[in-house]
């Protein structure tokens, strides 16, 4: 959506919410996968 201009971008701030029952488990490998796939100038929580 950001690439198509539908949402604000550059730089982006992400919050990775891990461990909600039914969603992505809270593990370091899962966090690393997410962090490794965000744009280079992004920030994350």
ModelCIF file with pLDDT and N, C-alpha, C, O atoms, coordinates in Angstrom:
data_MODEL
#
_entry.id   MODEL 
#
_entity.id                         1 
_entity.type                       polymer 
_entity.pdbx_number_of_molecules   1 
#
_entity_poly.entity_id                      1 
_entity_poly.type                           'polypeptide(L)' 
_entity_poly.nstd_linkage                   no 
_entity_poly.nstd_monomer                   no 
_entity_poly.pdbx_seq_one_letter_code       
;(UNK)(UNK)(UNK)(UNK)(UNK)(UNK)(UNK)(UNK)(UNK)(UNK)(UNK)(UNK)(UNK)(UNK)(UNK)(UNK)
(UNK)(UNK)(UNK)(UNK)(UNK)(UNK)(UNK)(UNK)(UNK)(UNK)(UNK)(UNK)(UNK)(UNK)(UNK)(UNK)
(UNK)(UNK)(UNK)(UNK)(UNK)(UNK)(UNK)(UNK)(UNK)(UNK)(UNK)(UNK)(UNK)
;
_entity_poly.pdbx_seq_one_letter_code_can   XXXXXXXXXXXXXXXXXXXXXXXXXXXXXXXXXXXXXXXXXXXXX 
_entity_poly.pdbx_strand_id                 A 
#
loop_
_entity_poly_seq.entity_id 
_entity_poly_seq.num 
_entity_poly_seq.mon_id 
_entity_poly_seq.hetero 
1 1  UNK n 
1 2  UNK n 
1 3  UNK n 
1 4  UNK n 
1 5  UNK n 
1 6  UNK n 
1 7  UNK n 
1 8  UNK n 
1 9  UNK n 
1 10 UNK n 
1 11 UNK n 
1 12 UNK n 
1 13 UNK n 
1 14 UNK n 
1 15 UNK n 
1 16 UNK n 
1 17 UNK n 
1 18 UNK n 
1 19 UNK n 
1 20 UNK n 
1 21 UNK n 
1 22 UNK n 
1 23 UNK n 
1 24 UNK n 
1 25 UNK n 
1 26 UNK n 
1 27 UNK n 
1 28 UNK n 
1 29 UNK n 
1 30 UNK n 
1 31 UNK n 
1 32 UNK n 
1 33 UNK n 
1 34 UNK n 
1 35 UNK n 
1 36 UNK n 
1 37 UNK n 
1 38 UNK n 
1 39 UNK n 
1 40 UNK n 
1 41 UNK n 
1 42 UNK n 
1 43 UNK n 
1 44 UNK n 
1 45 UNK n 
#
_struct_asym.id          A 
_struct_asym.entity_id   1 
#
loop_
_ma_qa_metric.id 
_ma_qa_metric.mode 
_ma_qa_metric.name 
_ma_qa_metric.software_group_id 
_ma_qa_metric.type 
1 global pLDDT . pLDDT 
2 local  pLDDT . pLDDT 
#
_ma_qa_metric_global.metric_id      1 
_ma_qa_metric_global.metric_value   96.76 
_ma_qa_metric_global.model_id       1 
_ma_qa_metric_global.ordinal_id     1 
#
loop_
_ma_qa_metric_local.label_asym_id 
_ma_qa_metric_local.label_comp_id 
_ma_qa_metric_local.label_seq_id 
_ma_qa_metric_local.metric_id 
_ma_qa_metric_local.metric_value 
_ma_qa_metric_local.model_id 
_ma_qa_metric_local.ordinal_id 
A UNK 1  2 98.00 1 1  
A UNK 2  2 98.00 1 2  
A UNK 3  2 97.00 1 3  
A UNK 4  2 97.00 1 4  
A UNK 5  2 97.00 1 5  
A UNK 6  2 98.00 1 6  
A UNK 7  2 98.00 1 7  
A UNK 8  2 96.00 1 8  
A UNK 9  2 94.00 1 9  
A UNK 10 2 84.00 1 10 
A UNK 11 2 95.00 1 11 
A UNK 12 2 98.00 1 12 
A UNK 13 2 98.00 1 13 
A UNK 14 2 98.00 1 14 
A UNK 15 2 98.00 1 15 
A UNK 16 2 98.00 1 16 
A UNK 17 2 98.00 1 17 
A UNK 18 2 98.00 1 18 
A UNK 19 2 97.00 1 19 
A UNK 20 2 96.00 1 20 
A UNK 21 2 93.00 1 21 
A UNK 22 2 92.00 1 22 
A UNK 23 2 95.00 1 23 
A UNK 24 2 97.00 1 24 
A UNK 25 2 97.00 1 25 
A UNK 26 2 98.00 1 26 
A UNK 27 2 98.00 1 27 
A UNK 28 2 98.00 1 28 
A UNK 29 2 98.00 1 29 
A UNK 30 2 98.00 1 30 
A UNK 31 2 98.00 1 31 
A UNK 32 2 98.00 1 32 
A UNK 33 2 98.00 1 33 
A UNK 34 2 98.00 1 34 
A UNK 35 2 98.00 1 35 
A UNK 36 2 98.00 1 36 
A UNK 37 2 98.00 1 37 
A UNK 38 2 98.00 1 38 
A UNK 39 2 96.00 1 39 
A UNK 40 2 94.00 1 40 
A UNK 41 2 94.00 1 41 
A UNK 42 2 97.00 1 42 
A UNK 43 2 98.00 1 43 
A UNK 44 2 98.00 1 44 
A UNK 45 2 98.00 1 45 
#
loop_
_atom_site.group_PDB 
_atom_site.id 
_atom_site.type_symbol 
_atom_site.label_atom_id 
_atom_site.label_alt_id 
_atom_site.label_comp_id 
_atom_site.label_asym_id 
_atom_site.label_entity_id 
_atom_site.label_seq_id 
_atom_site.pdbx_PDB_ins_code 
_atom_site.Cartn_x 
_atom_site.Cartn_y 
_atom_site.Cartn_z 
_atom_site.occupancy 
_atom_site.B_iso_or_equiv 
_atom_site.pdbx_formal_charge 
_atom_site.auth_seq_id 
_atom_site.auth_comp_id 
_atom_site.auth_asym_id 
_atom_site.auth_atom_id 
_atom_site.pdbx_PDB_model_num 
ATOM 1   N N  . UNK A 1 1  ? 0.829  -1.214  0.000  1.00 98.00 ? 1  UNK A N  1 
ATOM 2   C CA . UNK A 1 1  ? 0.000  0.000   0.000  1.00 98.00 ? 1  UNK A CA 1 
ATOM 3   C C  . UNK A 1 1  ? 0.858  1.258   0.000  1.00 98.00 ? 1  UNK A C  1 
ATOM 4   O O  . UNK A 1 1  ? 0.519  2.245   -0.652 1.00 98.00 ? 1  UNK A O  1 
ATOM 5   N N  . UNK A 1 2  ? 1.972  1.223   0.731  1.00 98.00 ? 2  UNK A N  1 
ATOM 6   C CA . UNK A 1 2  ? 2.872  2.379   0.753  1.00 98.00 ? 2  UNK A CA 1 
ATOM 7   C C  . UNK A 1 2  ? 3.489  2.618   -0.619 1.00 98.00 ? 2  UNK A C  1 
ATOM 8   O O  . UNK A 1 2  ? 3.624  3.764   -1.048 1.00 98.00 ? 2  UNK A O  1 
ATOM 9   N N  . UNK A 1 3  ? 3.866  1.543   -1.309 1.00 97.00 ? 3  UNK A N  1 
ATOM 10  C CA . UNK A 1 3  ? 4.473  1.658   -2.640 1.00 97.00 ? 3  UNK A CA 1 
ATOM 11  C C  . UNK A 1 3  ? 3.514  2.311   -3.629 1.00 97.00 ? 3  UNK A C  1 
ATOM 12  O O  . UNK A 1 3  ? 3.938  3.032   -4.532 1.00 97.00 ? 3  UNK A O  1 
ATOM 13  N N  . UNK A 1 4  ? 2.217  2.054   -3.452 1.00 97.00 ? 4  UNK A N  1 
ATOM 14  C CA . UNK A 1 4  ? 1.203  2.624   -4.347 1.00 97.00 ? 4  UNK A CA 1 
ATOM 15  C C  . UNK A 1 4  ? 0.713  4.001   -3.901 1.00 97.00 ? 4  UNK A C  1 
ATOM 16  O O  . UNK A 1 4  ? -0.119 4.610   -4.573 1.00 97.00 ? 4  UNK A O  1 
ATOM 17  N N  . UNK A 1 5  ? 1.225  4.494   -2.770 1.00 97.00 ? 5  UNK A N  1 
ATOM 18  C CA . UNK A 1 5  ? 0.860  5.821   -2.302 1.00 97.00 ? 5  UNK A CA 1 
ATOM 19  C C  . UNK A 1 5  ? -0.431 5.901   -1.522 1.00 97.00 ? 5  UNK A C  1 
ATOM 20  O O  . UNK A 1 5  ? -0.959 6.993   -1.310 1.00 97.00 ? 5  UNK A O  1 
ATOM 21  N N  . UNK A 1 6  ? -0.957 4.751   -1.084 1.00 98.00 ? 6  UNK A N  1 
ATOM 22  C CA . UNK A 1 6  ? -2.223 4.752   -0.354 1.00 98.00 ? 6  UNK A CA 1 
ATOM 23  C C  . UNK A 1 6  ? -2.054 5.088   1.130  1.00 98.00 ? 6  UNK A C  1 
ATOM 24  O O  . UNK A 1 6  ? -3.012 5.492   1.789  1.00 98.00 ? 6  UNK A O  1 
ATOM 25  N N  . UNK A 1 7  ? -0.843 4.921   1.651  1.00 98.00 ? 7  UNK A N  1 
ATOM 26  C CA . UNK A 1 7  ? -0.559 5.225   3.052  1.00 98.00 ? 7  UNK A CA 1 
ATOM 27  C C  . UNK A 1 7  ? 0.755  5.990   3.118  1.00 98.00 ? 7  UNK A C  1 
ATOM 28  O O  . UNK A 1 7  ? 1.572  5.884   2.204  1.00 98.00 ? 7  UNK A O  1 
ATOM 29  N N  . UNK A 1 8  ? 0.977  6.765   4.188  1.00 96.00 ? 8  UNK A N  1 
ATOM 30  C CA . UNK A 1 8  ? 2.226  7.519   4.299  1.00 96.00 ? 8  UNK A CA 1 
ATOM 31  C C  . UNK A 1 8  ? 3.451  6.605   4.349  1.00 96.00 ? 8  UNK A C  1 
ATOM 32  O O  . UNK A 1 8  ? 3.409  5.496   4.882  1.00 96.00 ? 8  UNK A O  1 
ATOM 33  N N  . UNK A 1 9  ? 4.535  7.110   3.779  1.00 94.00 ? 9  UNK A N  1 
ATOM 34  C CA . UNK A 1 9  ? 5.781  6.337   3.752  1.00 94.00 ? 9  UNK A CA 1 
ATOM 35  C C  . UNK A 1 9  ? 6.969  7.288   3.886  1.00 94.00 ? 9  UNK A C  1 
ATOM 36  O O  . UNK A 1 9  ? 6.837  8.508   3.794  1.00 94.00 ? 9  UNK A O  1 
ATOM 37  N N  . UNK A 1 10 ? 8.118  6.686   4.105  1.00 84.00 ? 10 UNK A N  1 
ATOM 38  C CA . UNK A 1 10 ? 9.409  7.396   4.034  1.00 84.00 ? 10 UNK A CA 1 
ATOM 39  C C  . UNK A 1 10 ? 9.524  8.539   5.026  1.00 84.00 ? 10 UNK A C  1 
ATOM 40  O O  . UNK A 1 10 ? 9.221  9.677   4.669  1.00 84.00 ? 10 UNK A O  1 
ATOM 41  N N  . UNK A 1 11 ? 9.951  8.283   6.264  1.00 95.00 ? 11 UNK A N  1 
ATOM 42  C CA . UNK A 1 11 ? 10.222 6.961   6.812  1.00 95.00 ? 11 UNK A CA 1 
ATOM 43  C C  . UNK A 1 11 ? 8.991  6.368   7.492  1.00 95.00 ? 11 UNK A C  1 
ATOM 44  O O  . UNK A 1 11 ? 8.080  7.095   7.889  1.00 95.00 ? 11 UNK A O  1 
ATOM 45  N N  . UNK A 1 12 ? 8.973  5.054   7.622  1.00 98.00 ? 12 UNK A N  1 
ATOM 46  C CA . UNK A 1 12 ? 7.855  4.352   8.244  1.00 98.00 ? 12 UNK A CA 1 
ATOM 47  C C  . UNK A 1 12 ? 8.243  3.888   9.645  1.00 98.00 ? 12 UNK A C  1 
ATOM 48  O O  . UNK A 1 12 ? 9.392  3.527   9.901  1.00 98.00 ? 12 UNK A O  1 
ATOM 49  N N  . UNK A 1 13 ? 7.263  3.904   10.543 1.00 98.00 ? 13 UNK A N  1 
ATOM 50  C CA . UNK A 1 13 ? 7.440  3.388   11.900 1.00 98.00 ? 13 UNK A CA 1 
ATOM 51  C C  . UNK A 1 13 ? 6.515  2.195   12.087 1.00 98.00 ? 13 UNK A C  1 
ATOM 52  O O  . UNK A 1 13 ? 5.304  2.295   11.893 1.00 98.00 ? 13 UNK A O  1 
ATOM 53  N N  . UNK A 1 14 ? 7.110  1.054   12.470 1.00 98.00 ? 14 UNK A N  1 
ATOM 54  C CA . UNK A 1 14 ? 6.360  -0.186  12.653 1.00 98.00 ? 14 UNK A CA 1 
ATOM 55  C C  . UNK A 1 14 ? 6.324  -0.565  14.133 1.00 98.00 ? 14 UNK A C  1 
ATOM 56  O O  . UNK A 1 14 ? 7.271  -0.314  14.878 1.00 98.00 ? 14 UNK A O  1 
ATOM 57  N N  . UNK A 1 15 ? 5.213  -1.173  14.538 1.00 98.00 ? 15 UNK A N  1 
ATOM 58  C CA . UNK A 1 15 ? 5.136  -1.844  15.834 1.00 98.00 ? 15 UNK A CA 1 
ATOM 59  C C  . UNK A 1 15 ? 4.784  -3.297  15.583 1.00 98.00 ? 15 UNK A C  1 
ATOM 60  O O  . UNK A 1 15 ? 3.705  -3.609  15.080 1.00 98.00 ? 15 UNK A O  1 
ATOM 61  N N  . UNK A 1 16 ? 5.701  -4.180  15.937 1.00 98.00 ? 16 UNK A N  1 
ATOM 62  C CA . UNK A 1 16 ? 5.483  -5.615  15.740 1.00 98.00 ? 16 UNK A CA 1 
ATOM 63  C C  . UNK A 1 16 ? 4.915  -6.193  17.030 1.00 98.00 ? 16 UNK A C  1 
ATOM 64  O O  . UNK A 1 16 ? 5.612  -6.327  18.036 1.00 98.00 ? 16 UNK A O  1 
ATOM 65  N N  . UNK A 1 17 ? 3.623  -6.534  16.971 1.00 98.00 ? 17 UNK A N  1 
ATOM 66  C CA . UNK A 1 17 ? 2.900  -7.040  18.139 1.00 98.00 ? 17 UNK A CA 1 
ATOM 67  C C  . UNK A 1 17 ? 2.905  -8.557  18.071 1.00 98.00 ? 17 UNK A C  1 
ATOM 68  O O  . UNK A 1 17 ? 2.216  -9.152  17.241 1.00 98.00 ? 17 UNK A O  1 
ATOM 69  N N  . UNK A 1 18 ? 3.679  -9.178  18.939 1.00 98.00 ? 18 UNK A N  1 
ATOM 70  C CA . UNK A 1 18 ? 3.907  -10.620 18.859 1.00 98.00 ? 18 UNK A CA 1 
ATOM 71  C C  . UNK A 1 18 ? 3.379  -11.318 20.106 1.00 98.00 ? 18 UNK A C  1 
ATOM 72  O O  . UNK A 1 18 ? 3.556  -10.846 21.229 1.00 98.00 ? 18 UNK A O  1 
ATOM 73  N N  . UNK A 1 19 ? 2.725  -12.455 19.878 1.00 97.00 ? 19 UNK A N  1 
ATOM 74  C CA . UNK A 1 19 ? 2.245  -13.256 20.990 1.00 97.00 ? 19 UNK A CA 1 
ATOM 75  C C  . UNK A 1 19 ? 0.760  -13.182 21.237 1.00 97.00 ? 19 UNK A C  1 
ATOM 76  O O  . UNK A 1 19 ? 0.270  -13.807 22.177 1.00 97.00 ? 19 UNK A O  1 
ATOM 77  N N  . UNK A 1 20 ? 0.007  -12.426 20.414 1.00 96.00 ? 20 UNK A N  1 
ATOM 78  C CA . UNK A 1 20 ? -1.453 -12.473 20.503 1.00 96.00 ? 20 UNK A CA 1 
ATOM 79  C C  . UNK A 1 20 ? -1.908 -13.869 20.107 1.00 96.00 ? 20 UNK A C  1 
ATOM 80  O O  . UNK A 1 20 ? -1.456 -14.398 19.091 1.00 96.00 ? 20 UNK A O  1 
ATOM 81  N N  . UNK A 1 21 ? -2.797 -14.479 20.893 1.00 93.00 ? 21 UNK A N  1 
ATOM 82  C CA . UNK A 1 21 ? -3.256 -15.833 20.574 1.00 93.00 ? 21 UNK A CA 1 
ATOM 83  C C  . UNK A 1 21 ? -3.988 -15.820 19.235 1.00 93.00 ? 21 UNK A C  1 
ATOM 84  O O  . UNK A 1 21 ? -4.967 -15.093 19.063 1.00 93.00 ? 21 UNK A O  1 
ATOM 85  N N  . UNK A 1 22 ? -3.512 -16.623 18.293 1.00 92.00 ? 22 UNK A N  1 
ATOM 86  C CA . UNK A 1 22 ? -4.079 -16.654 16.956 1.00 92.00 ? 22 UNK A CA 1 
ATOM 87  C C  . UNK A 1 22 ? -3.259 -15.900 15.933 1.00 92.00 ? 22 UNK A C  1 
ATOM 88  O O  . UNK A 1 22 ? -3.538 -15.971 14.736 1.00 92.00 ? 22 UNK A O  1 
ATOM 89  N N  . UNK A 1 23 ? -2.237 -15.167 16.398 1.00 95.00 ? 23 UNK A N  1 
ATOM 90  C CA . UNK A 1 23 ? -1.373 -14.391 15.492 1.00 95.00 ? 23 UNK A CA 1 
ATOM 91  C C  . UNK A 1 23 ? 0.067  -14.906 15.578 1.00 95.00 ? 23 UNK A C  1 
ATOM 92  O O  . UNK A 1 23 ? 0.307  -15.991 16.107 1.00 95.00 ? 23 UNK A O  1 
ATOM 93  N N  . UNK A 1 24 ? 1.018  -14.132 15.061 1.00 97.00 ? 24 UNK A N  1 
ATOM 94  C CA . UNK A 1 24 ? 2.414  -14.577 15.010 1.00 97.00 ? 24 UNK A CA 1 
ATOM 95  C C  . UNK A 1 24 ? 2.993  -14.760 16.413 1.00 97.00 ? 24 UNK A C  1 
ATOM 96  O O  . UNK A 1 24 ? 2.888  -13.854 17.239 1.00 97.00 ? 24 UNK A O  1 
ATOM 97  N N  . UNK A 1 25 ? 3.596  -15.901 16.697 1.00 97.00 ? 25 UNK A N  1 
ATOM 98  C CA . UNK A 1 25 ? 4.182  -16.145 18.016 1.00 97.00 ? 25 UNK A CA 1 
ATOM 99  C C  . UNK A 1 25 ? 5.329  -15.182 18.327 1.00 97.00 ? 25 UNK A C  1 
ATOM 100 O O  . UNK A 1 25 ? 5.996  -14.671 17.427 1.00 97.00 ? 25 UNK A O  1 
ATOM 101 N N  . UNK A 1 26 ? 5.540  -14.952 19.613 1.00 98.00 ? 26 UNK A N  1 
ATOM 102 C CA . UNK A 1 26 ? 6.585  -14.043 20.080 1.00 98.00 ? 26 UNK A CA 1 
ATOM 103 C C  . UNK A 1 26 ? 7.893  -14.807 20.214 1.00 98.00 ? 26 UNK A C  1 
ATOM 104 O O  . UNK A 1 26 ? 8.209  -15.340 21.278 1.00 98.00 ? 26 UNK A O  1 
ATOM 105 N N  . UNK A 1 27 ? 8.652  -14.855 19.116 1.00 98.00 ? 27 UNK A N  1 
ATOM 106 C CA . UNK A 1 27 ? 9.965  -15.483 19.130 1.00 98.00 ? 27 UNK A CA 1 
ATOM 107 C C  . UNK A 1 27 ? 10.976 -14.534 18.502 1.00 98.00 ? 27 UNK A C  1 
ATOM 108 O O  . UNK A 1 27 ? 10.617 -13.681 17.691 1.00 98.00 ? 27 UNK A O  1 
ATOM 109 N N  . UNK A 1 28 ? 12.224 -14.684 18.877 1.00 98.00 ? 28 UNK A N  1 
ATOM 110 C CA . UNK A 1 28 ? 13.273 -13.843 18.298 1.00 98.00 ? 28 UNK A CA 1 
ATOM 111 C C  . UNK A 1 28 ? 13.422 -14.093 16.798 1.00 98.00 ? 28 UNK A C  1 
ATOM 112 O O  . UNK A 1 28 ? 13.575 -13.125 16.054 1.00 98.00 ? 28 UNK A O  1 
ATOM 113 N N  . UNK A 1 29 ? 13.387 -15.349 16.308 1.00 98.00 ? 29 UNK A N  1 
ATOM 114 C CA . UNK A 1 29 ? 13.445 -15.530 14.849 1.00 98.00 ? 29 UNK A CA 1 
ATOM 115 C C  . UNK A 1 29 ? 12.324 -14.810 14.099 1.00 98.00 ? 29 UNK A C  1 
ATOM 116 O O  . UNK A 1 29 ? 12.565 -14.243 13.034 1.00 98.00 ? 29 UNK A O  1 
ATOM 117 N N  . UNK A 1 30 ? 11.104 -14.825 14.639 1.00 98.00 ? 30 UNK A N  1 
ATOM 118 C CA . UNK A 1 30 ? 10.008 -14.112 13.980 1.00 98.00 ? 30 UNK A CA 1 
ATOM 119 C C  . UNK A 1 30 ? 10.251 -12.604 13.979 1.00 98.00 ? 30 UNK A C  1 
ATOM 120 O O  . UNK A 1 30 ? 9.988  -11.932 12.982 1.00 98.00 ? 30 UNK A O  1 
ATOM 121 N N  . UNK A 1 31 ? 10.747 -12.076 15.086 1.00 98.00 ? 31 UNK A N  1 
ATOM 122 C CA . UNK A 1 31 ? 11.069 -10.656 15.142 1.00 98.00 ? 31 UNK A CA 1 
ATOM 123 C C  . UNK A 1 31 ? 12.166 -10.315 14.146 1.00 98.00 ? 31 UNK A C  1 
ATOM 124 O O  . UNK A 1 31 ? 12.084 -9.300  13.455 1.00 98.00 ? 31 UNK A O  1 
ATOM 125 N N  . UNK A 1 32 ? 13.185 -11.150 14.067 1.00 98.00 ? 32 UNK A N  1 
ATOM 126 C CA . UNK A 1 32 ? 14.279 -10.901 13.118 1.00 98.00 ? 32 UNK A CA 1 
ATOM 127 C C  . UNK A 1 32 ? 13.770 -10.896 11.680 1.00 98.00 ? 32 UNK A C  1 
ATOM 128 O O  . UNK A 1 32 ? 14.184 -10.058 10.880 1.00 98.00 ? 32 UNK A O  1 
ATOM 129 N N  . UNK A 1 33 ? 12.868 -11.835 11.343 1.00 98.00 ? 33 UNK A N  1 
ATOM 130 C CA . UNK A 1 33 ? 12.322 -11.873 9.980  1.00 98.00 ? 33 UNK A CA 1 
ATOM 131 C C  . UNK A 1 33 ? 11.626 -10.556 9.658  1.00 98.00 ? 33 UNK A C  1 
ATOM 132 O O  . UNK A 1 33 ? 11.823 -9.999  8.578  1.00 98.00 ? 33 UNK A O  1 
ATOM 133 N N  . UNK A 1 34 ? 10.816 -10.056 10.583 1.00 98.00 ? 34 UNK A N  1 
ATOM 134 C CA . UNK A 1 34 ? 10.094 -8.806  10.355 1.00 98.00 ? 34 UNK A CA 1 
ATOM 135 C C  . UNK A 1 34 ? 11.055 -7.630  10.193 1.00 98.00 ? 34 UNK A C  1 
ATOM 136 O O  . UNK A 1 34 ? 10.932 -6.841  9.256  1.00 98.00 ? 34 UNK A O  1 
ATOM 137 N N  . UNK A 1 35 ? 12.012 -7.523  11.113 1.00 98.00 ? 35 UNK A N  1 
ATOM 138 C CA . UNK A 1 35 ? 12.955 -6.403  11.069 1.00 98.00 ? 35 UNK A CA 1 
ATOM 139 C C  . UNK A 1 35 ? 13.784 -6.429  9.788  1.00 98.00 ? 35 UNK A C  1 
ATOM 140 O O  . UNK A 1 35 ? 14.094 -5.379  9.225  1.00 98.00 ? 35 UNK A O  1 
ATOM 141 N N  . UNK A 1 36 ? 14.138 -7.619  9.333  1.00 98.00 ? 36 UNK A N  1 
ATOM 142 C CA . UNK A 1 36 ? 14.971 -7.744  8.132  1.00 98.00 ? 36 UNK A CA 1 
ATOM 143 C C  . UNK A 1 36 ? 14.221 -7.417  6.850  1.00 98.00 ? 36 UNK A C  1 
ATOM 144 O O  . UNK A 1 36 ? 14.833 -7.335  5.785  1.00 98.00 ? 36 UNK A O  1 
ATOM 145 N N  . UNK A 1 37 ? 12.907 -7.229  6.930  1.00 98.00 ? 37 UNK A N  1 
ATOM 146 C CA . UNK A 1 37 ? 12.113 -6.993  5.724  1.00 98.00 ? 37 UNK A CA 1 
ATOM 147 C C  . UNK A 1 37 ? 11.448 -5.618  5.683  1.00 98.00 ? 37 UNK A C  1 
ATOM 148 O O  . UNK A 1 37 ? 10.553 -5.390  4.870  1.00 98.00 ? 37 UNK A O  1 
ATOM 149 N N  . UNK A 1 38 ? 11.876 -4.703  6.547  1.00 98.00 ? 38 UNK A N  1 
ATOM 150 C CA . UNK A 1 38 ? 11.352 -3.340  6.498  1.00 98.00 ? 38 UNK A CA 1 
ATOM 151 C C  . UNK A 1 38 ? 12.315 -2.461  5.711  1.00 98.00 ? 38 UNK A C  1 
ATOM 152 O O  . UNK A 1 38 ? 13.498 -2.787  5.604  1.00 98.00 ? 38 UNK A O  1 
ATOM 153 N N  . UNK A 1 39 ? 11.826 -1.348  5.157  1.00 96.00 ? 39 UNK A N  1 
ATOM 154 C CA . UNK A 1 39 ? 12.710 -0.440  4.420  1.00 96.00 ? 39 UNK A CA 1 
ATOM 155 C C  . UNK A 1 39 ? 13.868 0.042   5.287  1.00 96.00 ? 39 UNK A C  1 
ATOM 156 O O  . UNK A 1 39 ? 13.741 0.156   6.506  1.00 96.00 ? 39 UNK A O  1 
ATOM 157 N N  . UNK A 1 40 ? 14.977 0.317   4.655  1.00 94.00 ? 40 UNK A N  1 
ATOM 158 C CA . UNK A 1 40 ? 16.223 0.602   5.368  1.00 94.00 ? 40 UNK A CA 1 
ATOM 159 C C  . UNK A 1 40 ? 16.134 1.819   6.278  1.00 94.00 ? 40 UNK A C  1 
ATOM 160 O O  . UNK A 1 40 ? 16.813 1.864   7.304  1.00 94.00 ? 40 UNK A O  1 
ATOM 161 N N  . UNK A 1 41 ? 15.318 2.802   5.931  1.00 94.00 ? 41 UNK A N  1 
ATOM 162 C CA . UNK A 1 41 ? 15.247 4.024   6.740  1.00 94.00 ? 41 UNK A CA 1 
ATOM 163 C C  . UNK A 1 41 ? 14.115 4.003   7.757  1.00 94.00 ? 41 UNK A C  1 
ATOM 164 O O  . UNK A 1 41 ? 13.765 5.037   8.325  1.00 94.00 ? 41 UNK A O  1 
ATOM 165 N N  . UNK A 1 42 ? 13.543 2.822   7.988  1.00 97.00 ? 42 UNK A N  1 
ATOM 166 C CA . UNK A 1 42 ? 12.418 2.700   8.914  1.00 97.00 ? 42 UNK A CA 1 
ATOM 167 C C  . UNK A 1 42 ? 12.884 2.632   10.360 1.00 97.00 ? 42 UNK A C  1 
ATOM 168 O O  . UNK A 1 42 ? 14.051 2.359   10.645 1.00 97.00 ? 42 UNK A O  1 
ATOM 169 N N  . UNK A 1 43 ? 11.940 2.886   11.271 1.00 98.00 ? 43 UNK A N  1 
ATOM 170 C CA . UNK A 1 43 ? 12.143 2.626   12.693 1.00 98.00 ? 43 UNK A CA 1 
ATOM 171 C C  . UNK A 1 43 ? 11.126 1.571   13.126 1.00 98.00 ? 43 UNK A C  1 
ATOM 172 O O  . UNK A 1 43 ? 10.103 1.374   12.471 1.00 98.00 ? 43 UNK A O  1 
ATOM 173 N N  . UNK A 1 44 ? 11.420 0.899   14.235 1.00 98.00 ? 44 UNK A N  1 
ATOM 174 C CA . UNK A 1 44 ? 10.504 -0.165  14.666 1.00 98.00 ? 44 UNK A CA 1 
ATOM 175 C C  . UNK A 1 44 ? 10.497 -0.313  16.177 1.00 98.00 ? 44 UNK A C  1 
ATOM 176 O O  . UNK A 1 44 ? 11.448 0.028   16.881 1.00 98.00 ? 44 UNK A O  1 
ATOM 177 N N  . UNK A 1 45 ? 9.372  -0.839  16.632 1.00 98.00 ? 45 UNK A N  1 
ATOM 178 C CA . UNK A 1 45 ? 9.124  -1.130  18.041 1.00 98.00 ? 45 UNK A CA 1 
ATOM 179 C C  . UNK A 1 45 ? 8.627  -2.562  18.133 1.00 98.00 ? 45 UNK A C  1 
ATOM 180 O O  . UNK A 1 45 ? 8.346  -3.049  19.228 1.00 98.00 ? 45 UNK A O  1 
#
